[in-house]
PDB file of N, CA and C in Angstrom:
ATOM      1  N   MET A   1      -9.380 -43.660  41.276  1.00  0.00           N
ATOM      2  CA  MET A   1      -8.330 -44.184  40.408  1.00  0.00           C
ATOM      3  C   MET A   1      -7.183 -43.169  40.372  1.00  0.00           C
ATOM      4  N   ASN A   2      -5.984 -43.665  40.492  1.00  0.00           N
ATOM      5  CA  ASN A   2      -4.793 -42.837  40.399  1.00  0.00           C
ATOM      6  C   ASN A   2      -4.756 -42.148  39.036  1.00  0.00           C
ATOM      7  N   GLY A   3      -4.381 -40.870  39.021  1.00  0.00           N
ATOM      8  CA  GLY A   3      -4.349 -40.102  37.780  1.00  0.00           C
ATOM      9  C   GLY A   3      -3.414 -40.680  36.738  1.00  0.00           C
ATOM     10  N   TYR A   4      -2.285 -41.207  37.185  1.00  0.00           N
ATOM     11  CA  TYR A   4      -1.322 -41.754  36.232  1.00  0.00           C
ATOM     12  C   TYR A   4      -1.761 -43.121  35.698  1.00  0.00           C
ATOM     13  N   VAL A   5      -2.530 -43.848  36.480  1.00  0.00           N
ATOM     14  CA  VAL A   5      -3.114 -45.102  35.973  1.00  0.00           C
ATOM     15  C   VAL A   5      -4.131 -44.767  34.889  1.00  0.00           C
ATOM     16  N   ALA A   6      -4.967 -43.761  35.157  1.00  0.00           N
ATOM     17  CA  ALA A   6      -5.946 -43.324  34.157  1.00  0.00           C
ATOM     18  C   ALA A   6      -5.237 -42.816  32.902  1.00  0.00           C
ATOM     19  N   LEU A   7      -4.111 -42.124  33.078  1.00  0.00           N
ATOM     20  CA  LEU A   7      -3.346 -41.623  31.931  1.00  0.00           C
ATOM     21  C   LEU A   7      -2.771 -42.787  31.119  1.00  0.00           C
ATOM     22  N   ALA A   8      -2.259 -43.807  31.793  1.00  0.00           N
ATOM     23  CA  ALA A   8      -1.732 -44.982  31.088  1.00  0.00           C
ATOM     24  C   ALA A   8      -2.842 -45.673  30.300  1.00  0.00           C
ATOM     25  N   LEU A   9      -4.029 -45.772  30.897  1.00  0.00           N
ATOM     26  CA  LEU A   9      -5.169 -46.358  30.180  1.00  0.00           C
ATOM     27  C   LEU A   9      -5.572 -45.485  28.989  1.00  0.00           C
ATOM     28  N   ALA A  10      -5.499 -44.171  29.164  1.00  0.00           N
ATOM     29  CA  ALA A  10      -5.831 -43.252  28.066  1.00  0.00           C
ATOM     30  C   ALA A  10      -4.852 -43.420  26.907  1.00  0.00           C
ATOM     31  N   ILE A  11      -3.575 -43.555  27.225  1.00  0.00           N
ATOM     32  CA  ILE A  11      -2.558 -43.735  26.188  1.00  0.00           C
ATOM     33  C   ILE A  11      -2.770 -45.058  25.470  1.00  0.00           C
ATOM     34  N   THR A  12      -2.981 -46.107  26.247  1.00  0.00           N
ATOM     35  CA  THR A  12      -3.208 -47.432  25.660  1.00  0.00           C
ATOM     36  C   THR A  12      -4.427 -47.431  24.752  1.00  0.00           C
ATOM     37  N   SER A  13      -5.500 -46.817  25.204  1.00  0.00           N
ATOM     38  CA  SER A  13      -6.733 -46.752  24.419  1.00  0.00           C
ATOM     39  C   SER A  13      -6.550 -45.930  23.146  1.00  0.00           C
ATOM     40  N   GLU A  14      -5.799 -44.844  23.254  1.00  0.00           N
ATOM     41  CA  GLU A  14      -5.551 -43.991  22.089  1.00  0.00           C
ATOM     42  C   GLU A  14      -4.719 -44.725  21.043  1.00  0.00           C
ATOM     43  N   VAL A  15      -3.704 -45.444  21.495  1.00  0.00           N
ATOM     44  CA  VAL A  15      -2.876 -46.217  20.570  1.00  0.00           C
ATOM     45  C   VAL A  15      -3.717 -47.316  19.919  1.00  0.00           C
ATOM     46  N   PHE A  16      -4.572 -47.960  20.703  1.00  0.00           N
ATOM     47  CA  PHE A  16      -5.476 -48.967  20.149  1.00  0.00           C
ATOM     48  C   PHE A  16      -6.392 -48.337  19.099  1.00  0.00           C
ATOM     49  N   GLY A  17      -7.001 -47.194  19.431  1.00  0.00           N
ATOM     50  CA  GLY A  17      -7.897 -46.520  18.499  1.00  0.00           C
ATOM     51  C   GLY A  17      -7.196 -46.117  17.210  1.00  0.00           C
ATOM     52  N   THR A  18      -5.972 -45.628  17.333  1.00  0.00           N
ATOM     53  CA  THR A  18      -5.210 -45.233  16.150  1.00  0.00           C
ATOM     54  C   THR A  18      -4.851 -46.443  15.299  1.00  0.00           C
ATOM     55  N   THR A  19      -4.493 -47.536  15.946  1.00  0.00           N
ATOM     56  CA  THR A  19      -4.190 -48.771  15.219  1.00  0.00           C
ATOM     57  C   THR A  19      -5.424 -49.280  14.489  1.00  0.00           C
ATOM     58  N   MET A  20      -6.566 -49.215  15.148  1.00  0.00           N
ATOM     59  CA  MET A  20      -7.816 -49.631  14.505  1.00  0.00           C
ATOM     60  C   MET A  20      -8.159 -48.699  13.348  1.00  0.00           C
ATOM     61  N   LEU A  21      -7.792 -47.419  13.470  1.00  0.00           N
ATOM     62  CA  LEU A  21      -8.031 -46.465  12.385  1.00  0.00           C
ATOM     63  C   LEU A  21      -7.279 -46.894  11.127  1.00  0.00           C
ATOM     64  N   LYS A  22      -6.062 -47.348  11.307  1.00  0.00           N
ATOM     65  CA  LYS A  22      -5.287 -47.857  10.166  1.00  0.00           C
ATOM     66  C   LYS A  22      -5.968 -49.090   9.576  1.00  0.00           C
ATOM     67  N   LEU A  23      -6.417 -49.997  10.441  1.00  0.00           N
ATOM     68  CA  LEU A  23      -7.047 -51.236   9.978  1.00  0.00           C
ATOM     69  C   LEU A  23      -8.437 -51.022   9.383  1.00  0.00           C
ATOM     70  N   SER A  24      -9.079 -49.908   9.741  1.00  0.00           N
ATOM     71  CA  SER A  24     -10.439 -49.663   9.252  1.00  0.00           C
ATOM     72  C   SER A  24     -10.475 -49.334   7.765  1.00  0.00           C
ATOM     73  N   GLU A  25      -9.316 -48.968   7.212  1.00  0.00           N
ATOM     74  CA  GLU A  25      -9.212 -48.619   5.795  1.00  0.00           C
ATOM     75  C   GLU A  25     -10.283 -47.602   5.390  1.00  0.00           C
ATOM     76  N   GLY A  26     -10.233 -46.455   6.065  1.00  0.00           N
ATOM     77  CA  GLY A  26     -11.186 -45.389   5.747  1.00  0.00           C
ATOM     78  C   GLY A  26     -12.598 -45.703   6.207  1.00  0.00           C
ATOM     79  N   PHE A  27     -12.725 -46.422   7.296  1.00  0.00           N
ATOM     80  CA  PHE A  27     -14.006 -46.837   7.871  1.00  0.00           C
ATOM     81  C   PHE A  27     -14.803 -47.753   6.945  1.00  0.00           C
ATOM     82  N   THR A  28     -14.108 -48.506   6.120  1.00  0.00           N
ATOM     83  CA  THR A  28     -14.791 -49.474   5.256  1.00  0.00           C
ATOM     84  C   THR A  28     -14.841 -50.857   5.890  1.00  0.00           C
ATOM     85  N   ASN A  29     -14.031 -51.119   6.915  1.00  0.00           N
ATOM     86  CA  ASN A  29     -14.088 -52.381   7.661  1.00  0.00           C
ATOM     87  C   ASN A  29     -14.815 -52.125   8.973  1.00  0.00           C
ATOM     88  N   VAL A  30     -15.889 -52.868   9.197  1.00  0.00           N
ATOM     89  CA  VAL A  30     -16.784 -52.585  10.324  1.00  0.00           C
ATOM     90  C   VAL A  30     -16.121 -52.749  11.682  1.00  0.00           C
ATOM     91  N   PHE A  31     -15.514 -53.901  11.947  1.00  0.00           N
ATOM     92  CA  PHE A  31     -15.007 -54.154  13.289  1.00  0.00           C
ATOM     93  C   PHE A  31     -13.864 -53.218  13.685  1.00  0.00           C
ATOM     94  N   PRO A  32     -12.894 -52.974  12.816  1.00  0.00           N
ATOM     95  CA  PRO A  32     -11.896 -51.968  13.185  1.00  0.00           C
ATOM     96  C   PRO A  32     -12.506 -50.571  13.360  1.00  0.00           C
ATOM     97  N   SER A  33     -13.540 -50.249  12.600  1.00  0.00           N
ATOM     98  CA  SER A  33     -14.208 -48.954  12.750  1.00  0.00           C
ATOM     99  C   SER A  33     -14.852 -48.828  14.120  1.00  0.00           C
ATOM    100  N   ILE A  34     -15.453 -49.907  14.593  1.00  0.00           N
ATOM    101  CA  ILE A  34     -16.019 -49.925  15.950  1.00  0.00           C
ATOM    102  C   ILE A  34     -14.888 -49.764  16.965  1.00  0.00           C
ATOM    103  N   GLY A  35     -13.743 -50.410  16.689  1.00  0.00           N
ATOM    104  CA  GLY A  35     -12.579 -50.276  17.565  1.00  0.00           C
ATOM    105  C   GLY A  35     -12.079 -48.846  17.666  1.00  0.00           C
ATOM    106  N   VAL A  36     -12.170 -48.095  16.576  1.00  0.00           N
ATOM    107  CA  VAL A  36     -11.768 -46.679  16.593  1.00  0.00           C
ATOM    108  C   VAL A  36     -12.636 -45.913  17.587  1.00  0.00           C
ATOM    109  N   VAL A  37     -13.940 -46.081  17.476  1.00  0.00           N
ATOM    110  CA  VAL A  37     -14.874 -45.357  18.347  1.00  0.00           C
ATOM    111  C   VAL A  37     -14.664 -45.757  19.808  1.00  0.00           C
ATOM    112  N   LEU A  38     -14.544 -47.058  20.059  1.00  0.00           N
ATOM    113  CA  LEU A  38     -14.343 -47.523  21.437  1.00  0.00           C
ATOM    114  C   LEU A  38     -12.988 -47.072  21.982  1.00  0.00           C
ATOM    115  N   GLY A  39     -11.947 -47.186  21.165  1.00  0.00           N
ATOM    116  CA  GLY A  39     -10.613 -46.803  21.612  1.00  0.00           C
ATOM    117  C   GLY A  39     -10.515 -45.330  21.964  1.00  0.00           C
ATOM    118  N   PHE A  40     -10.993 -44.470  21.061  1.00  0.00           N
ATOM    119  CA  PHE A  40     -10.913 -43.039  21.338  1.00  0.00           C
ATOM    120  C   PHE A  40     -11.902 -42.610  22.411  1.00  0.00           C
ATOM    121  N   GLY A  41     -13.071 -43.239  22.466  1.00  0.00           N
ATOM    122  CA  GLY A  41     -14.018 -42.936  23.542  1.00  0.00           C
ATOM    123  C   GLY A  41     -13.423 -43.242  24.903  1.00  0.00           C
ATOM    124  N   CYS A  42     -12.825 -44.413  25.024  1.00  0.00           N
ATOM    125  CA  CYS A  42     -12.177 -44.812  26.277  1.00  0.00           C
ATOM    126  C   CYS A  42     -10.990 -43.900  26.581  1.00  0.00           C
ATOM    127  N   ALA A  43     -10.228 -43.532  25.554  1.00  0.00           N
ATOM    128  CA  ALA A  43      -9.062 -42.669  25.753  1.00  0.00           C
ATOM    129  C   ALA A  43      -9.479 -41.313  26.333  1.00  0.00           C
ATOM    130  N   PHE A  44     -10.501 -40.699  25.754  1.00  0.00           N
ATOM    131  CA  PHE A  44     -10.927 -39.392  26.249  1.00  0.00           C
ATOM    132  C   PHE A  44     -11.556 -39.489  27.631  1.00  0.00           C
ATOM    133  N   TYR A  45     -12.278 -40.564  27.882  1.00  0.00           N
ATOM    134  CA  TYR A  45     -12.852 -40.750  29.222  1.00  0.00           C
ATOM    135  C   TYR A  45     -11.741 -40.895  30.260  1.00  0.00           C
ATOM    136  N   CYS A  46     -10.764 -41.743  29.979  1.00  0.00           N
ATOM    137  CA  CYS A  46      -9.664 -41.947  30.920  1.00  0.00           C
ATOM    138  C   CYS A  46      -8.831 -40.679  31.081  1.00  0.00           C
ATOM    139  N   LEU A  47      -8.639 -39.941  29.993  1.00  0.00           N
ATOM    140  CA  LEU A  47      -7.911 -38.677  30.092  1.00  0.00           C
ATOM    141  C   LEU A  47      -8.674 -37.699  30.989  1.00  0.00           C
ATOM    142  N   SER A  48      -9.996 -37.679  30.887  1.00  0.00           N
ATOM    143  CA  SER A  48     -10.781 -36.783  31.747  1.00  0.00           C
ATOM    144  C   SER A  48     -10.649 -37.184  33.218  1.00  0.00           C
ATOM    145  N   LEU A  49     -10.575 -38.486  33.491  1.00  0.00           N
ATOM    146  CA  LEU A  49     -10.361 -38.946  34.868  1.00  0.00           C
ATOM    147  C   LEU A  49      -8.974 -38.538  35.357  1.00  0.00           C
ATOM    148  N   CYS A  50      -7.998 -38.654  34.493  1.00  0.00           N
ATOM    149  CA  CYS A  50      -6.630 -38.280  34.828  1.00  0.00           C
ATOM    150  C   CYS A  50      -6.547 -36.807  35.220  1.00  0.00           C
ATOM    151  N   LEU A  51      -7.300 -35.967  34.513  1.00  0.00           N
ATOM    152  CA  LEU A  51      -7.225 -34.521  34.736  1.00  0.00           C
ATOM    153  C   LEU A  51      -7.783 -34.090  36.089  1.00  0.00           C
ATOM    154  N   ARG A  52      -8.388 -35.013  36.809  1.00  0.00           N
ATOM    155  CA  ARG A  52      -8.839 -34.691  38.173  1.00  0.00           C
ATOM    156  C   ARG A  52      -7.646 -34.442  39.090  1.00  0.00           C
ATOM    157  N   THR A  53      -6.528 -35.122  38.814  1.00  0.00           N
ATOM    158  CA  THR A  53      -5.381 -35.024  39.720  1.00  0.00           C
ATOM    159  C   THR A  53      -4.073 -34.616  39.042  1.00  0.00           C
ATOM    160  N   VAL A  54      -3.995 -34.685  37.726  1.00  0.00           N
ATOM    161  CA  VAL A  54      -2.768 -34.343  37.003  1.00  0.00           C
ATOM    162  C   VAL A  54      -3.039 -33.067  36.209  1.00  0.00           C
ATOM    163  N   SER A  55      -2.069 -32.149  36.198  1.00  0.00           N
ATOM    164  CA  SER A  55      -2.278 -30.886  35.491  1.00  0.00           C
ATOM    165  C   SER A  55      -2.501 -31.130  33.997  1.00  0.00           C
ATOM    166  N   LEU A  56      -3.265 -30.257  33.381  1.00  0.00           N
ATOM    167  CA  LEU A  56      -3.608 -30.386  31.966  1.00  0.00           C
ATOM    168  C   LEU A  56      -2.365 -30.394  31.085  1.00  0.00           C
ATOM    169  N   SER A  57      -1.459 -29.451  31.319  1.00  0.00           N
ATOM    170  CA  SER A  57      -0.276 -29.357  30.452  1.00  0.00           C
ATOM    171  C   SER A  57       0.573 -30.617  30.533  1.00  0.00           C
ATOM    172  N   LEU A  58       0.757 -31.149  31.710  1.00  0.00           N
ATOM    173  CA  LEU A  58       1.556 -32.357  31.869  1.00  0.00           C
ATOM    174  C   LEU A  58       0.837 -33.570  31.297  1.00  0.00           C
ATOM    175  N   ALA A  59      -0.433 -33.733  31.624  1.00  0.00           N
ATOM    176  CA  ALA A  59      -1.193 -34.901  31.157  1.00  0.00           C
ATOM    177  C   ALA A  59      -1.272 -34.918  29.632  1.00  0.00           C
ATOM    178  N   TYR A  60      -1.561 -33.780  29.035  1.00  0.00           N
ATOM    179  CA  TYR A  60      -1.695 -33.750  27.581  1.00  0.00           C
ATOM    180  C   TYR A  60      -0.355 -33.988  26.906  1.00  0.00           C
ATOM    181  N   ALA A  61       0.717 -33.434  27.463  1.00  0.00           N
ATOM    182  CA  ALA A  61       2.044 -33.652  26.886  1.00  0.00           C
ATOM    183  C   ALA A  61       2.413 -35.131  26.932  1.00  0.00           C
ATOM    184  N   ILE A  62       2.166 -35.768  28.048  1.00  0.00           N
ATOM    185  CA  ILE A  62       2.476 -37.189  28.173  1.00  0.00           C
ATOM    186  C   ILE A  62       1.580 -38.001  27.256  1.00  0.00           C
ATOM    187  N   TRP A  63       0.282 -37.707  27.265  1.00  0.00           N
ATOM    188  CA  TRP A  63      -0.683 -38.460  26.459  1.00  0.00           C
ATOM    189  C   TRP A  63      -0.348 -38.374  24.976  1.00  0.00           C
ATOM    190  N   SER A  64      -0.144 -37.166  24.503  1.00  0.00           N
ATOM    191  CA  SER A  64       0.117 -37.019  23.068  1.00  0.00           C
ATOM    192  C   SER A  64       1.523 -37.468  22.700  1.00  0.00           C
ATOM    193  N   GLY A  65       2.515 -37.164  23.528  1.00  0.00           N
ATOM    194  CA  GLY A  65       3.889 -37.522  23.212  1.00  0.00           C
ATOM    195  C   GLY A  65       4.141 -39.019  23.244  1.00  0.00           C
ATOM    196  N   VAL A  66       3.743 -39.654  24.325  1.00  0.00           N
ATOM    197  CA  VAL A  66       3.952 -41.100  24.447  1.00  0.00           C
ATOM    198  C   VAL A  66       3.075 -41.840  23.439  1.00  0.00           C
ATOM    199  N   GLY A  67       1.838 -41.382  23.261  1.00  0.00           N
ATOM    200  CA  GLY A  67       0.961 -42.003  22.260  1.00  0.00           C
ATOM    201  C   GLY A  67       1.543 -41.908  20.859  1.00  0.00           C
ATOM    202  N   THR A  68       2.086 -40.748  20.525  1.00  0.00           N
ATOM    203  CA  THR A  68       2.710 -40.557  19.209  1.00  0.00           C
ATOM    204  C   THR A  68       3.919 -41.470  19.045  1.00  0.00           C
ATOM    205  N   ALA A  69       4.762 -41.534  20.066  1.00  0.00           N
ATOM    206  CA  ALA A  69       5.967 -42.362  19.985  1.00  0.00           C
ATOM    207  C   ALA A  69       5.611 -43.846  19.844  1.00  0.00           C
ATOM    208  N   ILE A  70       4.676 -44.325  20.640  1.00  0.00           N
ATOM    209  CA  ILE A  70       4.282 -45.736  20.559  1.00  0.00           C
ATOM    210  C   ILE A  70       3.640 -46.030  19.206  1.00  0.00           C
ATOM    211  N   THR A  71       2.785 -45.128  18.744  1.00  0.00           N
ATOM    212  CA  THR A  71       2.137 -45.321  17.450  1.00  0.00           C
ATOM    213  C   THR A  71       3.168 -45.349  16.321  1.00  0.00           C
ATOM    214  N   ALA A  72       4.148 -44.472  16.380  1.00  0.00           N
ATOM    215  CA  ALA A  72       5.206 -44.464  15.363  1.00  0.00           C
ATOM    216  C   ALA A  72       5.990 -45.769  15.388  1.00  0.00           C
ATOM    217  N   LEU A  73       6.314 -46.248  16.585  1.00  0.00           N
ATOM    218  CA  LEU A  73       7.041 -47.513  16.694  1.00  0.00           C
ATOM    219  C   LEU A  73       6.218 -48.680  16.168  1.00  0.00           C
ATOM    220  N   LEU A  74       4.921 -48.688  16.454  1.00  0.00           N
ATOM    221  CA  LEU A  74       4.062 -49.746  15.917  1.00  0.00           C
ATOM    222  C   LEU A  74       4.002 -49.687  14.399  1.00  0.00           C
ATOM    223  N   GLY A  75       3.944 -48.481  13.856  1.00  0.00           N
ATOM    224  CA  GLY A  75       3.941 -48.331  12.404  1.00  0.00           C
ATOM    225  C   GLY A  75       5.207 -48.910  11.779  1.00  0.00           C
ATOM    226  N   ILE A  76       6.316 -48.681  12.440  1.00  0.00           N
ATOM    227  CA  ILE A  76       7.599 -49.199  11.950  1.00  0.00           C
ATOM    228  C   ILE A  76       7.629 -50.726  12.063  1.00  0.00           C
ATOM    229  N   LEU A  77       7.199 -51.246  13.203  1.00  0.00           N
ATOM    230  CA  LEU A  77       7.287 -52.686  13.454  1.00  0.00           C
ATOM    231  C   LEU A  77       6.234 -53.508  12.715  1.00  0.00           C
ATOM    232  N   ILE A  78       5.013 -52.982  12.626  1.00  0.00           N
ATOM    233  CA  ILE A  78       3.913 -53.768  12.053  1.00  0.00           C
ATOM    234  C   ILE A  78       3.723 -53.488  10.566  1.00  0.00           C
ATOM    235  N   TRP A  79       3.749 -52.203  10.185  1.00  0.00           N
ATOM    236  CA  TRP A  79       3.439 -51.844   8.797  1.00  0.00           C
ATOM    237  C   TRP A  79       4.668 -51.426   7.990  1.00  0.00           C
ATOM    238  N   ASN A  80       5.834 -51.685   8.538  1.00  0.00           N
ATOM    239  CA  ASN A  80       7.082 -51.364   7.839  1.00  0.00           C
ATOM    240  C   ASN A  80       7.167 -49.903   7.401  1.00  0.00           C
ATOM    241  N   ASP A  81       6.661 -48.992   8.237  1.00  0.00           N
ATOM    242  CA  ASP A  81       6.828 -47.574   7.961  1.00  0.00           C
ATOM    243  C   ASP A  81       8.329 -47.268   7.915  1.00  0.00           C
ATOM    244  N   PRO A  82       8.720 -46.265   7.150  1.00  0.00           N
ATOM    245  CA  PRO A  82      10.156 -45.974   7.031  1.00  0.00           C
ATOM    246  C   PRO A  82      10.762 -45.564   8.371  1.00  0.00           C
ATOM    247  N   PHE A  83      11.971 -46.024   8.603  1.00  0.00           N
ATOM    248  CA  PHE A  83      12.716 -45.651   9.805  1.00  0.00           C
ATOM    249  C   PHE A  83      14.074 -45.123   9.378  1.00  0.00           C
ATOM    250  N   SER A  84      14.422 -43.972   9.907  1.00  0.00           N
ATOM    251  CA  SER A  84      15.708 -43.361   9.583  1.00  0.00           C
ATOM    252  C   SER A  84      16.255 -42.698  10.845  1.00  0.00           C
ATOM    253  N   MET A  85      17.411 -42.117  10.717  1.00  0.00           N
ATOM    254  CA  MET A  85      17.987 -41.383  11.853  1.00  0.00           C
ATOM    255  C   MET A  85      17.100 -40.189  12.225  1.00  0.00           C
ATOM    256  N   MET A  86      16.442 -39.592  11.247  1.00  0.00           N
ATOM    257  CA  MET A  86      15.525 -38.478  11.533  1.00  0.00           C
ATOM    258  C   MET A  86      14.317 -38.962  12.328  1.00  0.00           C
ATOM    259  N   THR A  87      13.811 -40.151  11.979  1.00  0.00           N
ATOM    260  CA  THR A  87      12.702 -40.738  12.733  1.00  0.00           C
ATOM    261  C   THR A  87      13.131 -40.979  14.178  1.00  0.00           C
ATOM    262  N   CYS A  88      14.293 -41.552  14.335  1.00  0.00           N
ATOM    263  CA  CYS A  88      14.832 -41.836  15.666  1.00  0.00           C
ATOM    264  C   CYS A  88      15.012 -40.542  16.451  1.00  0.00           C
ATOM    265  N   LEU A  89      15.585 -39.533  15.817  1.00  0.00           N
ATOM    266  CA  LEU A  89      15.771 -38.240  16.473  1.00  0.00           C
ATOM    267  C   LEU A  89      14.432 -37.630  16.871  1.00  0.00           C
ATOM    268  N   GLY A  90      13.461 -37.708  15.984  1.00  0.00           N
ATOM    269  CA  GLY A  90      12.132 -37.183  16.295  1.00  0.00           C
ATOM    270  C   GLY A  90      11.524 -37.855  17.514  1.00  0.00           C
ATOM    271  N   LEU A  91      11.619 -39.175  17.582  1.00  0.00           N
ATOM    272  CA  LEU A  91      11.087 -39.910  18.736  1.00  0.00           C
ATOM    273  C   LEU A  91      11.826 -39.530  20.019  1.00  0.00           C
ATOM    274  N   ILE A  92      13.137 -39.379  19.927  1.00  0.00           N
ATOM    275  CA  ILE A  92      13.925 -38.969  21.097  1.00  0.00           C
ATOM    276  C   ILE A  92      13.511 -37.573  21.562  1.00  0.00           C
ATOM    277  N   LEU A  93      13.296 -36.659  20.614  1.00  0.00           N
ATOM    278  CA  LEU A  93      12.881 -35.301  20.971  1.00  0.00           C
ATOM    279  C   LEU A  93      11.490 -35.279  21.603  1.00  0.00           C
ATOM    280  N   ILE A  94      10.577 -36.100  21.091  1.00  0.00           N
ATOM    281  CA  ILE A  94       9.232 -36.176  21.686  1.00  0.00           C
ATOM    282  C   ILE A  94       9.331 -36.644  23.128  1.00  0.00           C
ATOM    283  N   ILE A  95      10.041 -37.734  23.336  1.00  0.00           N
ATOM    284  CA  ILE A  95      10.155 -38.286  24.691  1.00  0.00           C
ATOM    285  C   ILE A  95      10.924 -37.312  25.591  1.00  0.00           C
ATOM    286  N   GLY A  96      11.967 -36.689  25.042  1.00  0.00           N
ATOM    287  CA  GLY A  96      12.717 -35.700  25.818  1.00  0.00           C
ATOM    288  C   GLY A  96      11.866 -34.518  26.232  1.00  0.00           C
ATOM    289  N   GLY A  97      10.997 -34.071  25.350  1.00  0.00           N
ATOM    290  CA  GLY A  97      10.097 -32.968  25.683  1.00  0.00           C
ATOM    291  C   GLY A  97       9.149 -33.322  26.809  1.00  0.00           C
ATOM    292  N   VAL A  98       8.640 -34.535  26.781  1.00  0.00           N
ATOM    293  CA  VAL A  98       7.756 -34.988  27.861  1.00  0.00           C
ATOM    294  C   VAL A  98       8.523 -35.027  29.184  1.00  0.00           C
ATOM    295  N   VAL A  99       9.740 -35.529  29.145  1.00  0.00           N
ATOM    296  CA  VAL A  99      10.563 -35.581  30.357  1.00  0.00           C
ATOM    297  C   VAL A  99      10.831 -34.172  30.878  1.00  0.00           C
ATOM    298  N   LEU A 100      11.160 -33.235  29.982  1.00  0.00           N
ATOM    299  CA  LEU A 100      11.412 -31.860  30.411  1.00  0.00           C
ATOM    300  C   LEU A 100      10.179 -31.211  31.024  1.00  0.00           C
ATOM    301  N   LEU A 101       9.023 -31.425  30.437  1.00  0.00           N
ATOM    302  CA  LEU A 101       7.794 -30.878  31.016  1.00  0.00           C
ATOM    303  C   LEU A 101       7.537 -31.463  32.394  1.00  0.00           C
ATOM    304  N   ASN A 102       7.796 -32.738  32.545  1.00  0.00           N
ATOM    305  CA  ASN A 102       7.590 -33.393  33.829  1.00  0.00           C
ATOM    306  C   ASN A 102       8.586 -32.872  34.861  1.00  0.00           C
ATOM    307  N   SER A 103       9.831 -32.697  34.484  1.00  0.00           N
ATOM    308  CA  SER A 103      10.842 -32.224  35.434  1.00  0.00           C
ATOM    309  C   SER A 103      10.564 -30.778  35.842  1.00  0.00           C
ATOM    310  N   LYS A 104      10.039 -29.962  34.950  1.00  0.00           N
ATOM    311  CA  LYS A 104       9.691 -28.576  35.269  1.00  0.00           C
ATOM    312  C   LYS A 104       8.630 -28.540  36.362  1.00  0.00           C
ATOM    313  N   GLU A 105       7.622 -29.393  36.236  1.00  0.00           N
ATOM    314  CA  GLU A 105       6.561 -29.421  37.242  1.00  0.00           C
ATOM    315  C   GLU A 105       7.104 -29.920  38.569  1.00  0.00           C
ATOM    316  N   LEU A 106       7.965 -30.942  38.543  1.00  0.00           N
ATOM    317  CA  LEU A 106       8.530 -31.459  39.779  1.00  0.00           C
ATOM    318  C   LEU A 106       9.459 -30.439  40.417  1.00  0.00           C
ATOM    319  N   GLU A 107      10.221 -29.695  39.590  1.00  0.00           N
ATOM    320  CA  GLU A 107      11.147 -28.689  40.078  1.00  0.00           C
ATOM    321  C   GLU A 107      10.426 -27.565  40.810  1.00  0.00           C
ATOM    322  N   SER A 108       9.241 -27.197  40.309  1.00  0.00           N
ATOM    323  CA  SER A 108       8.496 -26.093  40.917  1.00  0.00           C
ATOM    324  C   SER A 108       7.815 -26.497  42.208  1.00  0.00           C
ATOM    325  N   GLY A 109       7.874 -27.786  42.539  1.00  0.00           N
ATOM    326  CA  GLY A 109       7.260 -28.254  43.772  1.00  0.00           C
ATOM    327  C   GLY A 109       5.797 -28.576  43.644  1.00  0.00           C
ATOM    328  N   LYS A 110       5.257 -28.448  42.441  1.00  0.00           N
ATOM    329  CA  LYS A 110       3.844 -28.750  42.240  1.00  0.00           C
ATOM    330  C   LYS A 110       3.679 -30.251  42.082  1.00  0.00           C
ATOM    331  N   THR A 111       2.699 -30.768  42.739  1.00  0.00           N
ATOM    332  CA  THR A 111       2.337 -32.160  42.563  1.00  0.00           C
ATOM    333  C   THR A 111       0.874 -32.200  42.170  1.00  0.00           C
ATOM    334  N   PRO A 112       0.414 -33.313  41.644  1.00  0.00           N
ATOM    335  CA  PRO A 112      -0.990 -33.376  41.261  1.00  0.00           C
ATOM    336  C   PRO A 112      -1.935 -33.062  42.409  1.00  0.00           C
ATOM    337  N   SER A 113      -1.532 -33.332  43.645  1.00  0.00           N
ATOM    338  CA  SER A 113      -2.451 -33.122  44.764  1.00  0.00           C
ATOM    339  C   SER A 113      -2.431 -31.699  45.311  1.00  0.00           C
ATOM    340  N   ASN A 114      -1.312 -30.964  45.142  1.00  0.00           N
ATOM    341  CA  ASN A 114      -1.288 -29.604  45.698  1.00  0.00           C
ATOM    342  C   ASN A 114      -1.245 -28.524  44.631  1.00  0.00           C
ATOM    343  N   GLY A 115      -1.330 -28.920  43.330  1.00  0.00           N
ATOM    344  CA  GLY A 115      -1.452 -28.096  42.154  1.00  0.00           C
ATOM    345  C   GLY A 115      -0.914 -26.748  42.264  1.00  0.00           C
TER     346      GLY A 115
END
């Protein structure tokens, strides 16, 4: 499996697990609680597969940054979490940081296959 495909699955699973965490209401709802375990279990498994070919620093930055940004957007869209210019700036900085980390690795000539 391509490392970036595994990373995309890890991000998707993590966002699912986090969403289920909100719905579990402190693990008092059974099915969302099961979703938390499955979502995070799948996320960590896929992240471990990703790390076979993608560097740890890049994979973790993308996983946590993109996962955080998507989760924040879902909170705003689904649960009416507050949105302000600071929220927008924070999301832009998260995504910008991921882009900068990625460009640094590409600039140095390192690729997942020649590390």
